[in-house]
Amino acid sequence: GVGAIFDRVLTELVNKMRDMQMDKTELGCLRAIVLFNPDAKGLSNTSEVELLREKVYASLEAYCKQKYPEQQG
């Protein structure tokens, strides 16, 4: 069923993230990006949540450009 599909997709995602050997900063940023979802129901200020998410995106991008300069793009 749907639960089995979700479990399989989640397992594949976790395995790929392990293969990428992401550090705590990268994982923390990705968690924040997921958490700051402006489409979540019941939010009173979606624009503020979107702004926070964009700041995390920008921080993650800057961090990755510094950590992996050979992988631009």
PDB file of N, CA and C in Angstrom:
ATOM      1  N   GLY A   1       0.813  -1.197   0.000  1.00  0.00           N
ATOM      2  CA  GLY A   1       0.000   0.000   0.000  1.00  0.00           C
ATOM      3  C   GLY A   1       0.848   1.248   0.000  1.00  0.00           C
ATOM      4  N   VAL A   2       0.200   2.331   0.329  1.00  0.00           N
ATOM      5  CA  VAL A   2       0.859   3.637   0.337  1.00  0.00           C
ATOM      6  C   VAL A   2       1.985   3.675   1.367  1.00  0.00           C
ATOM      7  N   GLY A   3       1.753   3.054   2.521  1.00  0.00           N
ATOM      8  CA  GLY A   3       2.779   3.028   3.559  1.00  0.00           C
ATOM      9  C   GLY A   3       4.048   2.340   3.102  1.00  0.00           C
ATOM     10  N   ALA A   4       3.906   1.249   2.375  1.00  0.00           N
ATOM     11  CA  ALA A   4       5.071   0.517   1.873  1.00  0.00           C
ATOM     12  C   ALA A   4       5.832   1.346   0.845  1.00  0.00           C
ATOM     13  N   ILE A   5       5.101   2.037  -0.008  1.00  0.00           N
ATOM     14  CA  ILE A   5       5.743   2.898  -1.013  1.00  0.00           C
ATOM     15  C   ILE A   5       6.500   4.025  -0.322  1.00  0.00           C
ATOM     16  N   PHE A   6       5.853   4.655   0.663  1.00  0.00           N
ATOM     17  CA  PHE A   6       6.503   5.732   1.410  1.00  0.00           C
ATOM     18  C   PHE A   6       7.778   5.232   2.085  1.00  0.00           C
ATOM     19  N   ASP A   7       7.709   4.070   2.717  1.00  0.00           N
ATOM     20  CA  ASP A   7       8.880   3.498   3.381  1.00  0.00           C
ATOM     21  C   ASP A   7      10.010   3.247   2.395  1.00  0.00           C
ATOM     22  N   ARG A   8       9.675   2.730   1.211  1.00  0.00           N
ATOM     23  CA  ARG A   8      10.698   2.452   0.207  1.00  0.00           C
ATOM     24  C   ARG A   8      11.351   3.744  -0.278  1.00  0.00           C
ATOM     25  N   VAL A   9      10.530   4.754  -0.551  1.00  0.00           N
ATOM     26  CA  VAL A   9      11.062   6.036  -1.023  1.00  0.00           C
ATOM     27  C   VAL A   9      11.940   6.671   0.050  1.00  0.00           C
ATOM     28  N   LEU A  10      11.479   6.637   1.292  1.00  0.00           N
ATOM     29  CA  LEU A  10      12.255   7.204   2.388  1.00  0.00           C
ATOM     30  C   LEU A  10      13.578   6.470   2.567  1.00  0.00           C
ATOM     31  N   THR A  11      13.559   5.156   2.469  1.00  0.00           N
ATOM     32  CA  THR A  11      14.785   4.366   2.586  1.00  0.00           C
ATOM     33  C   THR A  11      15.762   4.717   1.470  1.00  0.00           C
ATOM     34  N   GLU A  12      15.271   4.851   0.246  1.00  0.00           N
ATOM     35  CA  GLU A  12      16.132   5.220  -0.877  1.00  0.00           C
ATOM     36  C   GLU A  12      16.733   6.605  -0.673  1.00  0.00           C
ATOM     37  N   LEU A  13      15.925   7.534  -0.178  1.00  0.00           N
ATOM     38  CA  LEU A  13      16.408   8.892   0.071  1.00  0.00           C
ATOM     39  C   LEU A  13      17.501   8.893   1.135  1.00  0.00           C
ATOM     40  N   VAL A  14      17.274   8.201   2.220  1.00  0.00           N
ATOM     41  CA  VAL A  14      18.262   8.131   3.298  1.00  0.00           C
ATOM     42  C   VAL A  14      19.550   7.492   2.795  1.00  0.00           C
ATOM     43  N   ASN A  15      19.443   6.431   2.012  1.00  0.00           N
ATOM     44  CA  ASN A  15      20.637   5.776   1.469  1.00  0.00           C
ATOM     45  C   ASN A  15      21.421   6.711   0.558  1.00  0.00           C
ATOM     46  N   LYS A  16      20.728   7.471  -0.274  1.00  0.00           N
ATOM     47  CA  LYS A  16      21.423   8.409  -1.162  1.00  0.00           C
ATOM     48  C   LYS A  16      22.099   9.513  -0.366  1.00  0.00           C
ATOM     49  N   MET A  17      21.437   9.970   0.696  1.00  0.00           N
ATOM     50  CA  MET A  17      22.044  11.005   1.531  1.00  0.00           C
ATOM     51  C   MET A  17      23.282  10.465   2.242  1.00  0.00           C
ATOM     52  N   ARG A  18      23.245   9.218   2.673  1.00  0.00           N
ATOM     53  CA  ARG A  18      24.429   8.595   3.284  1.00  0.00           C
ATOM     54  C   ARG A  18      25.565   8.513   2.271  1.00  0.00           C
ATOM     55  N   ASP A  19      25.235   8.115   1.044  1.00  0.00           N
ATOM     56  CA  ASP A  19      26.250   8.011  -0.009  1.00  0.00           C
ATOM     57  C   ASP A  19      26.916   9.360  -0.272  1.00  0.00           C
ATOM     58  N   MET A  20      26.160  10.438  -0.102  1.00  0.00           N
ATOM     59  CA  MET A  20      26.695  11.785  -0.329  1.00  0.00           C
ATOM     60  C   MET A  20      27.588  12.243   0.823  1.00  0.00           C
ATOM     61  N   GLN A  21      27.568  11.531   1.932  1.00  0.00           N
ATOM     62  CA  GLN A  21      28.369  11.850   3.114  1.00  0.00           C
ATOM     63  C   GLN A  21      28.188  13.309   3.535  1.00  0.00           C
ATOM     64  N   MET A  22      26.934  13.705   3.672  1.00  0.00           N
ATOM     65  CA  MET A  22      26.613  15.071   4.065  1.00  0.00           C
ATOM     66  C   MET A  22      27.027  15.304   5.514  1.00  0.00           C
ATOM     67  N   ASP A  23      27.510  16.511   5.797  1.00  0.00           N
ATOM     68  CA  ASP A  23      27.899  16.819   7.169  1.00  0.00           C
ATOM     69  C   ASP A  23      26.711  17.397   7.947  1.00  0.00           C
ATOM     70  N   LYS A  24      26.947  17.710   9.216  1.00  0.00           N
ATOM     71  CA  LYS A  24      25.865  18.173  10.081  1.00  0.00           C
ATOM     72  C   LYS A  24      25.277  19.500   9.612  1.00  0.00           C
ATOM     73  N   THR A  25      26.092  20.362   9.056  1.00  0.00           N
ATOM     74  CA  THR A  25      25.596  21.652   8.562  1.00  0.00           C
ATOM     75  C   THR A  25      24.650  21.446   7.389  1.00  0.00           C
ATOM     76  N   GLU A  26      25.051  20.614   6.448  1.00  0.00           N
ATOM     77  CA  GLU A  26      24.205  20.344   5.283  1.00  0.00           C
ATOM     78  C   GLU A  26      22.894  19.684   5.692  1.00  0.00           C
ATOM     79  N   LEU A  27      22.979  18.702   6.577  1.00  0.00           N
ATOM     80  CA  LEU A  27      21.763  18.025   7.043  1.00  0.00           C
ATOM     81  C   LEU A  27      20.857  18.980   7.810  1.00  0.00           C
ATOM     82  N   GLY A  28      21.446  19.829   8.633  1.00  0.00           N
ATOM     83  CA  GLY A  28      20.655  20.799   9.386  1.00  0.00           C
ATOM     84  C   GLY A  28      19.921  21.764   8.475  1.00  0.00           C
ATOM     85  N   CYS A  29      20.595  22.219   7.431  1.00  0.00           N
ATOM     86  CA  CYS A  29      19.951  23.117   6.469  1.00  0.00           C
ATOM     87  C   CYS A  29      18.802  22.416   5.755  1.00  0.00           C
ATOM     88  N   LEU A  30      19.015  21.188   5.337  1.00  0.00           N
ATOM     89  CA  LEU A  30      17.945  20.456   4.658  1.00  0.00           C
ATOM     90  C   LEU A  30      16.752  20.236   5.576  1.00  0.00           C
ATOM     91  N   ARG A  31      17.020  19.953   6.832  1.00  0.00           N
ATOM     92  CA  ARG A  31      15.915  19.800   7.793  1.00  0.00           C
ATOM     93  C   ARG A  31      15.140  21.103   7.937  1.00  0.00           C
ATOM     94  N   ALA A  32      15.863  22.213   8.009  1.00  0.00           N
ATOM     95  CA  ALA A  32      15.201  23.513   8.138  1.00  0.00           C
ATOM     96  C   ALA A  32      14.376  23.834   6.896  1.00  0.00           C
ATOM     97  N   ILE A  33      14.889  23.502   5.720  1.00  0.00           N
ATOM     98  CA  ILE A  33      14.156  23.749   4.478  1.00  0.00           C
ATOM     99  C   ILE A  33      12.844  22.976   4.475  1.00  0.00           C
ATOM    100  N   VAL A  34      12.889  21.740   4.950  1.00  0.00           N
ATOM    101  CA  VAL A  34      11.664  20.940   5.039  1.00  0.00           C
ATOM    102  C   VAL A  34      10.730  21.531   6.087  1.00  0.00           C
ATOM    103  N   LEU A  35      11.279  21.936   7.215  1.00  0.00           N
ATOM    104  CA  LEU A  35      10.470  22.483   8.305  1.00  0.00           C
ATOM    105  C   LEU A  35       9.791  23.787   7.906  1.00  0.00           C
ATOM    106  N   PHE A  36      10.525  24.675   7.246  1.00  0.00           N
ATOM    107  CA  PHE A  36       9.973  25.973   6.856  1.00  0.00           C
ATOM    108  C   PHE A  36       9.183  25.830   5.559  1.00  0.00           C
ATOM    109  N   ASN A  37       8.037  25.212   5.655  1.00  0.00           N
ATOM    110  CA  ASN A  37       7.170  24.960   4.507  1.00  0.00           C
ATOM    111  C   ASN A  37       6.054  26.002   4.475  1.00  0.00           C
ATOM    112  N   PRO A  38       6.110  26.955   3.552  1.00  0.00           N
ATOM    113  CA  PRO A  38       5.082  27.997   3.503  1.00  0.00           C
ATOM    114  C   PRO A  38       3.711  27.469   3.087  1.00  0.00           C
ATOM    115  N   ASP A  39       3.653  26.242   2.587  1.00  0.00           N
ATOM    116  CA  ASP A  39       2.377  25.653   2.169  1.00  0.00           C
ATOM    117  C   ASP A  39       1.698  24.865   3.286  1.00  0.00           C
ATOM    118  N   ALA A  40       2.317  24.828   4.465  1.00  0.00           N
ATOM    119  CA  ALA A  40       1.726  24.096   5.590  1.00  0.00           C
ATOM    120  C   ALA A  40       0.403  24.743   5.998  1.00  0.00           C
ATOM    121  N   LYS A  41      -0.546  23.912   6.345  1.00  0.00           N
ATOM    122  CA  LYS A  41      -1.869  24.413   6.716  1.00  0.00           C
ATOM    123  C   LYS A  41      -1.812  25.144   8.050  1.00  0.00           C
ATOM    124  N   GLY A  42      -2.617  26.188   8.160  1.00  0.00           N
ATOM    125  CA  GLY A  42      -2.773  26.901   9.415  1.00  0.00           C
ATOM    126  C   GLY A  42      -1.769  28.005   9.672  1.00  0.00           C
ATOM    127  N   LEU A  43      -0.899  28.281   8.729  1.00  0.00           N
ATOM    128  CA  LEU A  43       0.069  29.356   8.927  1.00  0.00           C
ATOM    129  C   LEU A  43      -0.604  30.708   8.751  1.00  0.00           C
ATOM    130  N   SER A  44      -0.245  31.642   9.608  1.00  0.00           N
ATOM    131  CA  SER A  44      -0.822  32.976   9.489  1.00  0.00           C
ATOM    132  C   SER A  44       0.083  33.909   8.693  1.00  0.00           C
ATOM    133  N   ASN A  45       1.371  33.584   8.589  1.00  0.00           N
ATOM    134  CA  ASN A  45       2.299  34.459   7.881  1.00  0.00           C
ATOM    135  C   ASN A  45       3.197  33.628   6.964  1.00  0.00           C
ATOM    136  N   THR A  46       2.635  33.204   5.852  1.00  0.00           N
ATOM    137  CA  THR A  46       3.385  32.337   4.935  1.00  0.00           C
ATOM    138  C   THR A  46       4.582  33.049   4.317  1.00  0.00           C
ATOM    139  N   SER A  47       4.489  34.353   4.130  1.00  0.00           N
ATOM    140  CA  SER A  47       5.606  35.076   3.516  1.00  0.00           C
ATOM    141  C   SER A  47       6.833  35.072   4.426  1.00  0.00           C
ATOM    142  N   GLU A  48       6.630  35.127   5.730  1.00  0.00           N
ATOM    143  CA  GLU A  48       7.749  35.071   6.672  1.00  0.00           C
ATOM    144  C   GLU A  48       8.408  33.690   6.642  1.00  0.00           C
ATOM    145  N   VAL A  49       7.605  32.656   6.555  1.00  0.00           N
ATOM    146  CA  VAL A  49       8.135  31.295   6.482  1.00  0.00           C
ATOM    147  C   VAL A  49       8.909  31.115   5.178  1.00  0.00           C
ATOM    148  N   GLU A  50       8.377  31.637   4.090  1.00  0.00           N
ATOM    149  CA  GLU A  50       9.070  31.562   2.797  1.00  0.00           C
ATOM    150  C   GLU A  50      10.397  32.312   2.854  1.00  0.00           C
ATOM    151  N   LEU A  51      10.412  33.466   3.501  1.00  0.00           N
ATOM    152  CA  LEU A  51      11.641  34.243   3.645  1.00  0.00           C
ATOM    153  C   LEU A  51      12.693  33.466   4.441  1.00  0.00           C
ATOM    154  N   LEU A  52      12.271  32.833   5.523  1.00  0.00           N
ATOM    155  CA  LEU A  52      13.201  32.021   6.311  1.00  0.00           C
ATOM    156  C   LEU A  52      13.760  30.870   5.482  1.00  0.00           C
ATOM    157  N   ARG A  53      12.901  30.232   4.711  1.00  0.00           N
ATOM    158  CA  ARG A  53      13.339  29.120   3.867  1.00  0.00           C
ATOM    159  C   ARG A  53      14.359  29.608   2.838  1.00  0.00           C
ATOM    160  N   GLU A  54      14.101  30.747   2.233  1.00  0.00           N
ATOM    161  CA  GLU A  54      15.034  31.293   1.239  1.00  0.00           C
ATOM    162  C   GLU A  54      16.388  31.620   1.869  1.00  0.00           C
ATOM    163  N   LYS A  55      16.373  32.111   3.111  1.00  0.00           N
ATOM    164  CA  LYS A  55      17.631  32.398   3.805  1.00  0.00           C
ATOM    165  C   LYS A  55      18.421  31.115   4.038  1.00  0.00           C
ATOM    166  N   VAL A  56      17.728  30.050   4.394  1.00  0.00           N
ATOM    167  CA  VAL A  56      18.414  28.773   4.605  1.00  0.00           C
ATOM    168  C   VAL A  56      18.971  28.252   3.283  1.00  0.00           C
ATOM    169  N   TYR A  57      18.181  28.355   2.201  1.00  0.00           N
ATOM    170  CA  TYR A  57      18.681  27.960   0.877  1.00  0.00           C
ATOM    171  C   TYR A  57      19.975  28.708   0.548  1.00  0.00           C
ATOM    172  N   ALA A  58      19.956  30.019   0.758  1.00  0.00           N
ATOM    173  CA  ALA A  58      21.125  30.840   0.436  1.00  0.00           C
ATOM    174  C   ALA A  58      22.317  30.453   1.301  1.00  0.00           C
ATOM    175  N   SER A  59      22.073  30.190   2.574  1.00  0.00           N
ATOM    176  CA  SER A  59      23.156  29.779   3.472  1.00  0.00           C
ATOM    177  C   SER A  59      23.743  28.440   3.051  1.00  0.00           C
ATOM    178  N   LEU A  60      22.881  27.505   2.692  1.00  0.00           N
ATOM    179  CA  LEU A  60      23.350  26.192   2.246  1.00  0.00           C
ATOM    180  C   LEU A  60      24.153  26.317   0.955  1.00  0.00           C
ATOM    181  N   GLU A  61      23.681  27.136   0.046  1.00  0.00           N
ATOM    182  CA  GLU A  61      24.408  27.332  -1.208  1.00  0.00           C
ATOM    183  C   GLU A  61      25.790  27.929  -0.953  1.00  0.00           C
ATOM    184  N   ALA A  62      25.863  28.954  -0.113  1.00  0.00           N
ATOM    185  CA  ALA A  62      27.148  29.582   0.195  1.00  0.00           C
ATOM    186  C   ALA A  62      28.091  28.593   0.880  1.00  0.00           C
ATOM    187  N   TYR A  63      27.551  27.814   1.797  1.00  0.00           N
ATOM    188  CA  TYR A  63      28.354  26.816   2.504  1.00  0.00           C
ATOM    189  C   TYR A  63      28.913  25.787   1.522  1.00  0.00           C
ATOM    190  N   CYS A  64      28.068  25.290   0.642  1.00  0.00           N
ATOM    191  CA  CYS A  64      28.504  24.265  -0.317  1.00  0.00           C
ATOM    192  C   CYS A  64      29.514  24.820  -1.315  1.00  0.00           C
ATOM    193  N   LYS A  65      29.344  26.063  -1.734  1.00  0.00           N
ATOM    194  CA  LYS A  65      30.318  26.663  -2.654  1.00  0.00           C
ATOM    195  C   LYS A  65      31.683  26.794  -1.995  1.00  0.00           C
ATOM    196  N   GLN A  66      31.678  27.081  -0.693  1.00  0.00           N
ATOM    197  CA  GLN A  66      32.939  27.188   0.028  1.00  0.00           C
ATOM    198  C   GLN A  66      33.550  25.810   0.273  1.00  0.00           C
ATOM    199  N   LYS A  67      32.728  24.852   0.655  1.00  0.00           N
ATOM    200  CA  LYS A  67      33.222  23.519   0.995  1.00  0.00           C
ATOM    201  C   LYS A  67      33.609  22.706  -0.239  1.00  0.00           C
ATOM    202  N   TYR A  68      32.892  22.909  -1.333  1.00  0.00           N
ATOM    203  CA  TYR A  68      33.115  22.135  -2.557  1.00  0.00           C
ATOM    204  C   TYR A  68      33.351  23.075  -3.745  1.00  0.00           C
ATOM    205  N   PRO A  69      34.431  23.848  -3.737  1.00  0.00           N
ATOM    206  CA  PRO A  69      34.632  24.837  -4.816  1.00  0.00           C
ATOM    207  C   PRO A  69      34.792  24.202  -6.199  1.00  0.00           C
ATOM    208  N   GLU A  70      35.225  22.941  -6.231  1.00  0.00           N
ATOM    209  CA  GLU A  70      35.419  22.266  -7.522  1.00  0.00           C
ATOM    210  C   GLU A  70      34.107  21.807  -8.140  1.00  0.00           C
ATOM    211  N   GLN A  71      33.009  21.904  -7.400  1.00  0.00           N
ATOM    212  CA  GLN A  71      31.715  21.421  -7.892  1.00  0.00           C
ATOM    213  C   GLN A  71      30.746  22.570  -8.158  1.00  0.00           C
ATOM    214  N   GLN A  72      31.223  23.665  -8.691  1.00  0.00           N
ATOM    215  CA  GLN A  72      30.350  24.808  -8.971  1.00  0.00           C
ATOM    216  C   GLN A  72      29.286  24.420  -9.982  1.00  0.00           C
ATOM    217  N   GLY A  73      28.082  24.967  -9.738  1.00  0.00           N
ATOM    218  CA  GLY A  73      27.007  24.757 -10.698  1.00  0.00           C
ATOM    219  C   GLY A  73      25.986  23.849 -10.286  1.00  0.00           C
TER     220      GLY A  73
END
